[in-house]
Amino acid sequence: MIARGLVNIQGCNQIFRKVEEATQSLLDCNVLIDLVDAKCELQPAEIEAFVNESRPYPWPQGSKIALVSAPESEQYAQLSMLSFCLSARNVKIVAFSDSKIAVDWLADKT
């Protein structure tokens, strides 16, 4: 999935819902969400509220999500916090600033 433009916490929610809808019948599904051309505006308090207030995502145990950000440290830090908080809810999700490393992680079966 490729996202462009402004991505705030509501946009993240929409992205995750679309991923959920598209992959609900698939087992061991790996998803790369490309946010390189997006402008992320995710505040720490919003991220924590989003993760704590949203229902758990029914993400299959063997599936992974890779978030790829622009190499700017602020955007990467925001996506890293989001992925860290979601991983505490049993979602295999990691933020990357390099798409090749993200693809390698998705391909790794361990």
PDB file of N, CA and C in Angstrom:
ATOM      1  N   MET A   1       0.851  -1.159   0.000  1.00  0.00           N
ATOM      2  CA  MET A   1       0.000   0.000   0.000  1.00  0.00           C
ATOM      3  C   MET A   1       0.904   1.231   0.000  1.00  0.00           C
ATOM      4  N   ILE A   2       0.520   2.218  -0.773  1.00  0.00           N
ATOM      5  CA  ILE A   2       1.263   3.472  -0.847  1.00  0.00           C
ATOM      6  C   ILE A   2       0.361   4.592  -0.342  1.00  0.00           C
ATOM      7  N   ALA A   3       0.881   5.377   0.596  1.00  0.00           N
ATOM      8  CA  ALA A   3       0.137   6.519   1.129  1.00  0.00           C
ATOM      9  C   ALA A   3       0.902   7.792   0.792  1.00  0.00           C
ATOM     10  N   ARG A   4       0.152   8.805   0.392  1.00  0.00           N
ATOM     11  CA  ARG A   4       0.752  10.106   0.070  1.00  0.00           C
ATOM     12  C   ARG A   4      -0.035  11.192   0.765  1.00  0.00           C
ATOM     13  N   GLY A   5       0.565  12.370   0.857  1.00  0.00           N
ATOM     14  CA  GLY A   5      -0.106  13.498   1.483  1.00  0.00           C
ATOM     15  C   GLY A   5       0.012  13.438   2.994  1.00  0.00           C
ATOM     16  N   LEU A   6      -0.851  14.166   3.654  1.00  0.00           N
ATOM     17  CA  LEU A   6      -0.839  14.252   5.103  1.00  0.00           C
ATOM     18  C   LEU A   6      -1.420  12.981   5.718  1.00  0.00           C
ATOM     19  N   VAL A   7      -0.686  12.381   6.640  1.00  0.00           N
ATOM     20  CA  VAL A   7      -1.163  11.206   7.367  1.00  0.00           C
ATOM     21  C   VAL A   7      -1.127  11.547   8.848  1.00  0.00           C
ATOM     22  N   ASN A   8      -2.322  11.709   9.410  1.00  0.00           N
ATOM     23  CA  ASN A   8      -2.432  11.925  10.849  1.00  0.00           C
ATOM     24  C   ASN A   8      -2.955  10.632  11.465  1.00  0.00           C
ATOM     25  N   ILE A   9      -3.355  10.663  12.717  1.00  0.00           N
ATOM     26  CA  ILE A   9      -3.775   9.437  13.393  1.00  0.00           C
ATOM     27  C   ILE A   9      -5.043   8.864  12.769  1.00  0.00           C
ATOM     28  N   GLN A  10      -5.940   9.720  12.292  1.00  0.00           N
ATOM     29  CA  GLN A  10      -7.143   9.231  11.612  1.00  0.00           C
ATOM     30  C   GLN A  10      -6.766   8.545  10.300  1.00  0.00           C
ATOM     31  N   GLY A  11      -5.778   9.096   9.610  1.00  0.00           N
ATOM     32  CA  GLY A  11      -5.292   8.474   8.382  1.00  0.00           C
ATOM     33  C   GLY A  11      -4.671   7.113   8.645  1.00  0.00           C
ATOM     34  N   CYS A  12      -3.934   6.998   9.742  1.00  0.00           N
ATOM     35  CA  CYS A  12      -3.364   5.699  10.123  1.00  0.00           C
ATOM     36  C   CYS A  12      -4.469   4.688  10.379  1.00  0.00           C
ATOM     37  N   ASN A  13      -5.506   5.112  11.056  1.00  0.00           N
ATOM     38  CA  ASN A  13      -6.625   4.228  11.325  1.00  0.00           C
ATOM     39  C   ASN A  13      -7.240   3.731  10.012  1.00  0.00           C
ATOM     40  N   GLN A  14      -7.422   4.623   9.054  1.00  0.00           N
ATOM     41  CA  GLN A  14      -7.970   4.236   7.753  1.00  0.00           C
ATOM     42  C   GLN A  14      -7.043   3.249   7.042  1.00  0.00           C
ATOM     43  N   ILE A  15      -5.760   3.501   7.085  1.00  0.00           N
ATOM     44  CA  ILE A  15      -4.794   2.614   6.441  1.00  0.00           C
ATOM     45  C   ILE A  15      -4.883   1.216   7.045  1.00  0.00           C
ATOM     46  N   PHE A  16      -4.875   1.133   8.376  1.00  0.00           N
ATOM     47  CA  PHE A  16      -4.923  -0.178   9.024  1.00  0.00           C
ATOM     48  C   PHE A  16      -6.243  -0.896   8.763  1.00  0.00           C
ATOM     49  N   ARG A  17      -7.334  -0.168   8.705  1.00  0.00           N
ATOM     50  CA  ARG A  17      -8.631  -0.789   8.392  1.00  0.00           C
ATOM     51  C   ARG A  17      -8.636  -1.351   6.965  1.00  0.00           C
ATOM     52  N   LYS A  18      -8.064  -0.598   6.025  1.00  0.00           N
ATOM     53  CA  LYS A  18      -8.010  -1.084   4.638  1.00  0.00           C
ATOM     54  C   LYS A  18      -7.114  -2.317   4.529  1.00  0.00           C
ATOM     55  N   VAL A  19      -6.006  -2.317   5.243  1.00  0.00           N
ATOM     56  CA  VAL A  19      -5.125  -3.490   5.250  1.00  0.00           C
ATOM     57  C   VAL A  19      -5.864  -4.677   5.851  1.00  0.00           C
ATOM     58  N   GLU A  20      -6.574  -4.440   6.938  1.00  0.00           N
ATOM     59  CA  GLU A  20      -7.347  -5.506   7.578  1.00  0.00           C
ATOM     60  C   GLU A  20      -8.376  -6.087   6.610  1.00  0.00           C
ATOM     61  N   GLU A  21      -9.114  -5.224   5.919  1.00  0.00           N
ATOM     62  CA  GLU A  21     -10.132  -5.679   4.969  1.00  0.00           C
ATOM     63  C   GLU A  21      -9.512  -6.487   3.823  1.00  0.00           C
ATOM     64  N   ALA A  22      -8.398  -6.014   3.305  1.00  0.00           N
ATOM     65  CA  ALA A  22      -7.776  -6.655   2.150  1.00  0.00           C
ATOM     66  C   ALA A  22      -7.112  -7.988   2.493  1.00  0.00           C
ATOM     67  N   THR A  23      -6.747  -8.185   3.746  1.00  0.00           N
ATOM     68  CA  THR A  23      -5.969  -9.371   4.106  1.00  0.00           C
ATOM     69  C   THR A  23      -6.698 -10.326   5.033  1.00  0.00           C
ATOM     70  N   GLN A  24      -7.937 -10.056   5.391  1.00  0.00           N
ATOM     71  CA  GLN A  24      -8.618 -10.851   6.408  1.00  0.00           C
ATOM     72  C   GLN A  24      -8.729 -12.330   6.059  1.00  0.00           C
ATOM     73  N   SER A  25      -8.774 -12.692   4.802  1.00  0.00           N
ATOM     74  CA  SER A  25      -8.892 -14.103   4.436  1.00  0.00           C
ATOM     75  C   SER A  25      -7.546 -14.753   4.130  1.00  0.00           C
ATOM     76  N   LEU A  26      -6.451 -14.024   4.316  1.00  0.00           N
ATOM     77  CA  LEU A  26      -5.126 -14.539   3.987  1.00  0.00           C
ATOM     78  C   LEU A  26      -4.365 -14.927   5.253  1.00  0.00           C
ATOM     79  N   LEU A  27      -3.662 -16.043   5.182  1.00  0.00           N
ATOM     80  CA  LEU A  27      -2.792 -16.455   6.282  1.00  0.00           C
ATOM     81  C   LEU A  27      -1.361 -16.073   5.940  1.00  0.00           C
ATOM     82  N   ASP A  28      -0.582 -15.795   6.948  1.00  0.00           N
ATOM     83  CA  ASP A  28       0.829 -15.452   6.758  1.00  0.00           C
ATOM     84  C   ASP A  28       1.010 -14.382   5.687  1.00  0.00           C
ATOM     85  N   CYS A  29       0.281 -13.303   5.840  1.00  0.00           N
ATOM     86  CA  CYS A  29       0.304 -12.200   4.887  1.00  0.00           C
ATOM     87  C   CYS A  29       1.293 -11.138   5.370  1.00  0.00           C
ATOM     88  N   ASN A  30       2.154 -10.699   4.476  1.00  0.00           N
ATOM     89  CA  ASN A  30       3.098  -9.643   4.799  1.00  0.00           C
ATOM     90  C   ASN A  30       2.739  -8.403   4.004  1.00  0.00           C
ATOM     91  N   VAL A  31       2.705  -7.259   4.690  1.00  0.00           N
ATOM     92  CA  VAL A  31       2.252  -6.019   4.081  1.00  0.00           C
ATOM     93  C   VAL A  31       3.320  -4.949   4.260  1.00  0.00           C
ATOM     94  N   LEU A  32       3.634  -4.259   3.171  1.00  0.00           N
ATOM     95  CA  LEU A  32       4.529  -3.116   3.219  1.00  0.00           C
ATOM     96  C   LEU A  32       3.678  -1.870   2.988  1.00  0.00           C
ATOM     97  N   ILE A  33       3.719  -0.948   3.936  1.00  0.00           N
ATOM     98  CA  ILE A  33       3.002   0.315   3.814  1.00  0.00           C
ATOM     99  C   ILE A  33       4.045   1.396   3.554  1.00  0.00           C
ATOM    100  N   ASP A  34       4.035   1.918   2.342  1.00  0.00           N
ATOM    101  CA  ASP A  34       5.011   2.905   1.893  1.00  0.00           C
ATOM    102  C   ASP A  34       4.508   4.306   2.241  1.00  0.00           C
ATOM    103  N   LEU A  35       5.177   4.938   3.178  1.00  0.00           N
ATOM    104  CA  LEU A  35       4.831   6.295   3.612  1.00  0.00           C
ATOM    105  C   LEU A  35       5.933   7.296   3.267  1.00  0.00           C
ATOM    106  N   VAL A  36       6.799   6.914   2.323  1.00  0.00           N
ATOM    107  CA  VAL A  36       7.937   7.758   1.963  1.00  0.00           C
ATOM    108  C   VAL A  36       7.475   9.115   1.438  1.00  0.00           C
ATOM    109  N   ASP A  37       6.406   9.127   0.649  1.00  0.00           N
ATOM    110  CA  ASP A  37       5.917  10.385   0.079  1.00  0.00           C
ATOM    111  C   ASP A  37       4.811  11.021   0.917  1.00  0.00           C
ATOM    112  N   ALA A  38       4.615  10.519   2.120  1.00  0.00           N
ATOM    113  CA  ALA A  38       3.590  11.072   3.006  1.00  0.00           C
ATOM    114  C   ALA A  38       4.233  12.039   3.991  1.00  0.00           C
ATOM    115  N   LYS A  39       3.424  12.890   4.535  1.00  0.00           N
ATOM    116  CA  LYS A  39       3.846  13.810   5.602  1.00  0.00           C
ATOM    117  C   LYS A  39       3.122  13.350   6.865  1.00  0.00           C
ATOM    118  N   CYS A  40       3.856  12.683   7.738  1.00  0.00           N
ATOM    119  CA  CYS A  40       3.249  12.157   8.957  1.00  0.00           C
ATOM    120  C   CYS A  40       3.187  13.234  10.034  1.00  0.00           C
ATOM    121  N   GLU A  41       2.030  13.346  10.652  1.00  0.00           N
ATOM    122  CA  GLU A  41       1.831  14.239  11.789  1.00  0.00           C
ATOM    123  C   GLU A  41       1.181  13.426  12.900  1.00  0.00           C
ATOM    124  N   LEU A  42       2.005  12.656  13.575  1.00  0.00           N
ATOM    125  CA  LEU A  42       1.545  11.766  14.637  1.00  0.00           C
ATOM    126  C   LEU A  42       2.172  12.212  15.960  1.00  0.00           C
ATOM    127  N   GLN A  43       1.345  12.706  16.854  1.00  0.00           N
ATOM    128  CA  GLN A  43       1.829  13.155  18.154  1.00  0.00           C
ATOM    129  C   GLN A  43       1.852  11.960  19.115  1.00  0.00           C
ATOM    130  N   PRO A  44       2.828  11.896  20.017  1.00  0.00           N
ATOM    131  CA  PRO A  44       2.919  10.766  20.949  1.00  0.00           C
ATOM    132  C   PRO A  44       1.624  10.491  21.716  1.00  0.00           C
ATOM    133  N   ALA A  45       0.959  11.521  22.199  1.00  0.00           N
ATOM    134  CA  ALA A  45      -0.290  11.320  22.951  1.00  0.00           C
ATOM    135  C   ALA A  45      -1.378  10.735  22.050  1.00  0.00           C
ATOM    136  N   GLU A  46      -1.414  11.165  20.787  1.00  0.00           N
ATOM    137  CA  GLU A  46      -2.395  10.629  19.842  1.00  0.00           C
ATOM    138  C   GLU A  46      -2.117   9.160  19.539  1.00  0.00           C
ATOM    139  N   ILE A  47      -0.854   8.826  19.387  1.00  0.00           N
ATOM    140  CA  ILE A  47      -0.479   7.436  19.118  1.00  0.00           C
ATOM    141  C   ILE A  47      -0.902   6.547  20.278  1.00  0.00           C
ATOM    142  N   GLU A  48      -0.574   6.967  21.500  1.00  0.00           N
ATOM    143  CA  GLU A  48      -0.939   6.175  22.677  1.00  0.00           C
ATOM    144  C   GLU A  48      -2.450   6.025  22.799  1.00  0.00           C
ATOM    145  N   ALA A  49      -3.189   7.100  22.566  1.00  0.00           N
ATOM    146  CA  ALA A  49      -4.650   7.033  22.643  1.00  0.00           C
ATOM    147  C   ALA A  49      -5.203   6.127  21.546  1.00  0.00           C
ATOM    148  N   PHE A  50      -4.672   6.240  20.348  1.00  0.00           N
ATOM    149  CA  PHE A  50      -5.108   5.400  19.234  1.00  0.00           C
ATOM    150  C   PHE A  50      -4.928   3.922  19.559  1.00  0.00           C
ATOM    151  N   VAL A  51      -3.762   3.573  20.057  1.00  0.00           N
ATOM    152  CA  VAL A  51      -3.466   2.172  20.361  1.00  0.00           C
ATOM    153  C   VAL A  51      -4.308   1.683  21.536  1.00  0.00           C
ATOM    154  N   ASN A  52      -4.461   2.504  22.560  1.00  0.00           N
ATOM    155  CA  ASN A  52      -5.202   2.089  23.751  1.00  0.00           C
ATOM    156  C   ASN A  52      -6.711   2.053  23.534  1.00  0.00           C
ATOM    157  N   GLU A  53      -7.229   2.915  22.674  1.00  0.00           N
ATOM    158  CA  GLU A  53      -8.679   3.008  22.483  1.00  0.00           C
ATOM    159  C   GLU A  53      -9.195   2.164  21.326  1.00  0.00           C
ATOM    160  N   SER A  54      -8.327   1.797  20.410  1.00  0.00           N
ATOM    161  CA  SER A  54      -8.807   1.021  19.266  1.00  0.00           C
ATOM    162  C   SER A  54      -8.970  -0.440  19.649  1.00  0.00           C
ATOM    163  N   ARG A  55      -9.869  -1.086  18.934  1.00  0.00           N
ATOM    164  CA  ARG A  55     -10.043  -2.511  19.187  1.00  0.00           C
ATOM    165  C   ARG A  55      -8.815  -3.226  18.654  1.00  0.00           C
ATOM    166  N   PRO A  56      -8.497  -4.368  19.227  1.00  0.00           N
ATOM    167  CA  PRO A  56      -7.320  -5.092  18.733  1.00  0.00           C
ATOM    168  C   PRO A  56      -7.509  -5.519  17.278  1.00  0.00           C
ATOM    169  N   TYR A  57      -6.461  -5.392  16.514  1.00  0.00           N
ATOM    170  CA  TYR A  57      -6.511  -5.821  15.124  1.00  0.00           C
ATOM    171  C   TYR A  57      -6.385  -7.334  15.082  1.00  0.00           C
ATOM    172  N   PRO A  58      -7.281  -8.011  14.365  1.00  0.00           N
ATOM    173  CA  PRO A  58      -7.221  -9.474  14.288  1.00  0.00           C
ATOM    174  C   PRO A  58      -6.149  -9.916  13.289  1.00  0.00           C
ATOM    175  N   TRP A  59      -4.926  -9.594  13.587  1.00  0.00           N
ATOM    176  CA  TRP A  59      -3.838  -9.857  12.667  1.00  0.00           C
ATOM    177  C   TRP A  59      -3.329 -11.272  12.882  1.00  0.00           C
ATOM    178  N   PRO A  60      -3.304 -12.110  11.816  1.00  0.00           N
ATOM    179  CA  PRO A  60      -2.840 -13.491  11.960  1.00  0.00           C
ATOM    180  C   PRO A  60      -1.419 -13.569  12.524  1.00  0.00           C
ATOM    181  N   GLN A  61      -1.175 -14.581  13.321  1.00  0.00           N
ATOM    182  CA  GLN A  61       0.095 -14.736  14.036  1.00  0.00           C
ATOM    183  C   GLN A  61       1.318 -14.696  13.120  1.00  0.00           C
ATOM    184  N   GLY A  62       1.256 -15.303  11.935  1.00  0.00           N
ATOM    185  CA  GLY A  62       2.416 -15.368  11.056  1.00  0.00           C
ATOM    186  C   GLY A  62       2.583 -14.188  10.129  1.00  0.00           C
ATOM    187  N   SER A  63       1.741 -13.201  10.239  1.00  0.00           N
ATOM    188  CA  SER A  63       1.767 -12.056   9.323  1.00  0.00           C
ATOM    189  C   SER A  63       2.573 -10.895   9.893  1.00  0.00           C
ATOM    190  N   LYS A  64       3.071 -10.052   8.994  1.00  0.00           N
ATOM    191  CA  LYS A  64       3.904  -8.908   9.388  1.00  0.00           C
ATOM    192  C   LYS A  64       3.483  -7.655   8.623  1.00  0.00           C
ATOM    193  N   ILE A  65       3.734  -6.500   9.245  1.00  0.00           N
ATOM    194  CA  ILE A  65       3.544  -5.207   8.588  1.00  0.00           C
ATOM    195  C   ILE A  65       4.854  -4.431   8.683  1.00  0.00           C
ATOM    196  N   ALA A  66       5.315  -3.921   7.560  1.00  0.00           N
ATOM    197  CA  ALA A  66       6.488  -3.051   7.524  1.00  0.00           C
ATOM    198  C   ALA A  66       6.019  -1.651   7.139  1.00  0.00           C
ATOM    199  N   LEU A  67       6.335  -0.682   7.981  1.00  0.00           N
ATOM    200  CA  LEU A  67       6.053   0.728   7.688  1.00  0.00           C
ATOM    201  C   LEU A  67       7.346   1.345   7.162  1.00  0.00           C
ATOM    202  N   VAL A  68       7.315   1.895   5.968  1.00  0.00           N
ATOM    203  CA  VAL A  68       8.519   2.505   5.406  1.00  0.00           C
ATOM    204  C   VAL A  68       8.323   4.012   5.365  1.00  0.00           C
ATOM    205  N   SER A  69       9.213   4.704   6.043  1.00  0.00           N
ATOM    206  CA  SER A  69       9.115   6.161   6.126  1.00  0.00           C
ATOM    207  C   SER A  69      10.197   6.817   5.289  1.00  0.00           C
ATOM    208  N   ALA A  70      10.025   8.104   5.110  1.00  0.00           N
ATOM    209  CA  ALA A  70      11.101   8.904   4.548  1.00  0.00           C
ATOM    210  C   ALA A  70      12.248   8.872   5.556  1.00  0.00           C
ATOM    211  N   PRO A  71      13.467   9.073   5.100  1.00  0.00           N
ATOM    212  CA  PRO A  71      14.596   8.991   6.024  1.00  0.00           C
ATOM    213  C   PRO A  71      14.673  10.120   7.055  1.00  0.00           C
ATOM    214  N   GLU A  72      13.753  11.073   6.982  1.00  0.00           N
ATOM    215  CA  GLU A  72      13.757  12.165   7.964  1.00  0.00           C
ATOM    216  C   GLU A  72      13.552  11.581   9.356  1.00  0.00           C
ATOM    217  N   SER A  73      14.351  12.014  10.283  1.00  0.00           N
ATOM    218  CA  SER A  73      14.324  11.405  11.612  1.00  0.00           C
ATOM    219  C   SER A  73      12.994  11.610  12.340  1.00  0.00           C
ATOM    220  N   GLU A  74      12.329  12.748  12.125  1.00  0.00           N
ATOM    221  CA  GLU A  74      11.061  13.001  12.818  1.00  0.00           C
ATOM    222  C   GLU A  74       9.972  12.030  12.367  1.00  0.00           C
ATOM    223  N   GLN A  75       9.835  11.859  11.063  1.00  0.00           N
ATOM    224  CA  GLN A  75       8.818  10.935  10.547  1.00  0.00           C
ATOM    225  C   GLN A  75       9.135   9.506  10.968  1.00  0.00           C
ATOM    226  N   TYR A  76      10.389   9.116  10.869  1.00  0.00           N
ATOM    227  CA  TYR A  76      10.780   7.766  11.271  1.00  0.00           C
ATOM    228  C   TYR A  76      10.515   7.555  12.759  1.00  0.00           C
ATOM    229  N   ALA A  77      10.792   8.545  13.581  1.00  0.00           N
ATOM    230  CA  ALA A  77      10.541   8.432  15.027  1.00  0.00           C
ATOM    231  C   ALA A  77       9.048   8.262  15.313  1.00  0.00           C
ATOM    232  N   GLN A  78       8.210   8.990  14.599  1.00  0.00           N
ATOM    233  CA  GLN A  78       6.760   8.865  14.798  1.00  0.00           C
ATOM    234  C   GLN A  78       6.282   7.455  14.429  1.00  0.00           C
ATOM    235  N   LEU A  79       6.734   6.953  13.282  1.00  0.00           N
ATOM    236  CA  LEU A  79       6.320   5.618  12.853  1.00  0.00           C
ATOM    237  C   LEU A  79       6.919   4.527  13.734  1.00  0.00           C
ATOM    238  N   SER A  80       8.110   4.769  14.252  1.00  0.00           N
ATOM    239  CA  SER A  80       8.710   3.807  15.187  1.00  0.00           C
ATOM    240  C   SER A  80       7.894   3.713  16.464  1.00  0.00           C
ATOM    241  N   MET A  81       7.442   4.848  16.965  1.00  0.00           N
ATOM    242  CA  MET A  81       6.603   4.824  18.171  1.00  0.00           C
ATOM    243  C   MET A  81       5.291   4.110  17.893  1.00  0.00           C
ATOM    244  N   LEU A  82       4.677   4.382  16.751  1.00  0.00           N
ATOM    245  CA  LEU A  82       3.431   3.717  16.392  1.00  0.00           C
ATOM    246  C   LEU A  82       3.634   2.209  16.308  1.00  0.00           C
ATOM    247  N   SER A  83       4.695   1.791  15.635  1.00  0.00           N
ATOM    248  CA  SER A  83       4.929   0.350  15.488  1.00  0.00           C
ATOM    249  C   SER A  83       5.254  -0.292  16.834  1.00  0.00           C
ATOM    250  N   PHE A  84       6.002   0.398  17.687  1.00  0.00           N
ATOM    251  CA  PHE A  84       6.317  -0.132  19.016  1.00  0.00           C
ATOM    252  C   PHE A  84       5.040  -0.334  19.833  1.00  0.00           C
ATOM    253  N   CYS A  85       4.170   0.648  19.820  1.00  0.00           N
ATOM    254  CA  CYS A  85       2.921   0.548  20.588  1.00  0.00           C
ATOM    255  C   CYS A  85       2.017  -0.554  20.041  1.00  0.00           C
ATOM    256  N   LEU A  86       1.924  -0.684  18.724  1.00  0.00           N
ATOM    257  CA  LEU A  86       1.090  -1.736  18.148  1.00  0.00           C
ATOM    258  C   LEU A  86       1.696  -3.117  18.370  1.00  0.00           C
ATOM    259  N   SER A  87       3.011  -3.203  18.384  1.00  0.00           N
ATOM    260  CA  SER A  87       3.638  -4.508  18.616  1.00  0.00           C
ATOM    261  C   SER A  87       3.353  -5.004  20.027  1.00  0.00           C
ATOM    262  N   ALA A  88       3.102  -4.088  20.958  1.00  0.00           N
ATOM    263  CA  ALA A  88       2.722  -4.492  22.312  1.00  0.00           C
ATOM    264  C   ALA A  88       1.335  -5.132  22.326  1.00  0.00           C
ATOM    265  N   ARG A  89       0.586  -4.959  21.235  1.00  0.00           N
ATOM    266  CA  ARG A  89      -0.753  -5.567  21.106  1.00  0.00           C
ATOM    267  C   ARG A  89      -0.711  -6.777  20.184  1.00  0.00           C
ATOM    268  N   ASN A  90       0.451  -7.398  20.106  1.00  0.00           N
ATOM    269  CA  ASN A  90       0.659  -8.642  19.348  1.00  0.00           C
ATOM    270  C   ASN A  90       0.529  -8.489  17.839  1.00  0.00           C
ATOM    271  N   VAL A  91       0.898  -7.326  17.325  1.00  0.00           N
ATOM    272  CA  VAL A  91       0.977  -7.129  15.881  1.00  0.00           C
ATOM    273  C   VAL A  91       2.461  -7.102  15.536  1.00  0.00           C
ATOM    274  N   LYS A  92       2.878  -7.948  14.585  1.00  0.00           N
ATOM    275  CA  LYS A  92       4.273  -7.936  14.144  1.00  0.00           C
ATOM    276  C   LYS A  92       4.432  -6.786  13.169  1.00  0.00           C
ATOM    277  N   ILE A  93       4.919  -5.677  13.689  1.00  0.00           N
ATOM    278  CA  ILE A  93       5.032  -4.455  12.898  1.00  0.00           C
ATOM    279  C   ILE A  93       6.332  -3.755  13.256  1.00  0.00           C
ATOM    280  N   VAL A  94       7.040  -3.272  12.227  1.00  0.00           N
ATOM    281  CA  VAL A  94       8.307  -2.572  12.426  1.00  0.00           C
ATOM    282  C   VAL A  94       8.366  -1.402  11.455  1.00  0.00           C
ATOM    283  N   ALA A  95       8.947  -0.296  11.897  1.00  0.00           N
ATOM    284  CA  ALA A  95       9.168   0.869  11.037  1.00  0.00           C
ATOM    285  C   ALA A  95      10.583   0.811  10.458  1.00  0.00           C
ATOM    286  N   PHE A  96      10.700   1.200   9.208  1.00  0.00           N
ATOM    287  CA  PHE A  96      11.982   1.208   8.507  1.00  0.00           C
ATOM    288  C   PHE A  96      12.131   2.525   7.750  1.00  0.00           C
ATOM    289  N   SER A  97      13.370   2.913   7.506  1.00  0.00           N
ATOM    290  CA  SER A  97      13.619   4.076   6.649  1.00  0.00           C
ATOM    291  C   SER A  97      14.243   3.643   5.328  1.00  0.00           C
ATOM    292  N   ASP A  98      14.355   2.342   5.121  1.00  0.00           N
ATOM    293  CA  ASP A  98      14.931   1.784   3.906  1.00  0.00           C
ATOM    294  C   ASP A  98      14.025   0.648   3.427  1.00  0.00           C
ATOM    295  N   SER A  99      13.476   0.788   2.223  1.00  0.00           N
ATOM    296  CA  SER A  99      12.514  -0.204   1.738  1.00  0.00           C
ATOM    297  C   SER A  99      13.148  -1.567   1.492  1.00  0.00           C
ATOM    298  N   LYS A 100      14.418  -1.631   1.097  1.00  0.00           N
ATOM    299  CA  LYS A 100      15.065  -2.923   0.875  1.00  0.00           C
ATOM    300  C   LYS A 100      15.181  -3.696   2.181  1.00  0.00           C
ATOM    301  N   ILE A 101      15.543  -3.026   3.243  1.00  0.00           N
ATOM    302  CA  ILE A 101      15.633  -3.691   4.546  1.00  0.00           C
ATOM    303  C   ILE A 101      14.247  -4.143   4.997  1.00  0.00           C
ATOM    304  N   ALA A 102      13.231  -3.336   4.716  1.00  0.00           N
ATOM    305  CA  ALA A 102      11.856  -3.715   5.065  1.00  0.00           C
ATOM    306  C   ALA A 102      11.433  -4.973   4.319  1.00  0.00           C
ATOM    307  N   VAL A 103      11.730  -5.049   3.033  1.00  0.00           N
ATOM    308  CA  VAL A 103      11.376  -6.227   2.233  1.00  0.00           C
ATOM    309  C   VAL A 103      12.131  -7.454   2.739  1.00  0.00           C
ATOM    310  N   ASP A 104      13.408  -7.290   3.061  1.00  0.00           N
ATOM    311  CA  ASP A 104      14.188  -8.408   3.605  1.00  0.00           C
ATOM    312  C   ASP A 104      13.570  -8.915   4.908  1.00  0.00           C
ATOM    313  N   TRP A 105      13.135  -8.003   5.776  1.00  0.00           N
ATOM    314  CA  TRP A 105      12.502  -8.396   7.039  1.00  0.00           C
ATOM    315  C   TRP A 105      11.190  -9.134   6.779  1.00  0.00           C
ATOM    316  N   LEU A 106      10.394  -8.636   5.844  1.00  0.00           N
ATOM    317  CA  LEU A 106       9.144  -9.309   5.504  1.00  0.00           C
ATOM    318  C   LEU A 106       9.383 -10.709   4.944  1.00  0.00           C
ATOM    319  N   ALA A 107      10.446 -10.889   4.184  1.00  0.00           N
ATOM    320  CA  ALA A 107      10.740 -12.184   3.571  1.00  0.00           C
ATOM    321  C   ALA A 107      11.318 -13.189   4.557  1.00  0.00           C
ATOM    322  N   ASP A 108      11.862 -12.711   5.666  1.00  0.00           N
ATOM    323  CA  ASP A 108      12.462 -13.589   6.675  1.00  0.00           C
ATOM    324  C   ASP A 108      11.365 -14.354   7.389  1.00  0.00           C
ATOM    325  N   LYS A 109      11.433 -15.662   7.380  1.00  0.00           N
ATOM    326  CA  LYS A 109      10.397 -16.509   7.975  1.00  0.00           C
ATOM    327  C   LYS A 109      10.611 -16.761   9.463  1.00  0.00           C
ATOM    328  N   THR A 110      11.638 -16.193  10.070  1.00  0.00           N
ATOM    329  CA  THR A 110      11.871 -16.433  11.502  1.00  0.00           C
ATOM    330  C   THR A 110      11.176 -15.417  12.351  1.00  0.00           C
TER     331      THR A 110
END
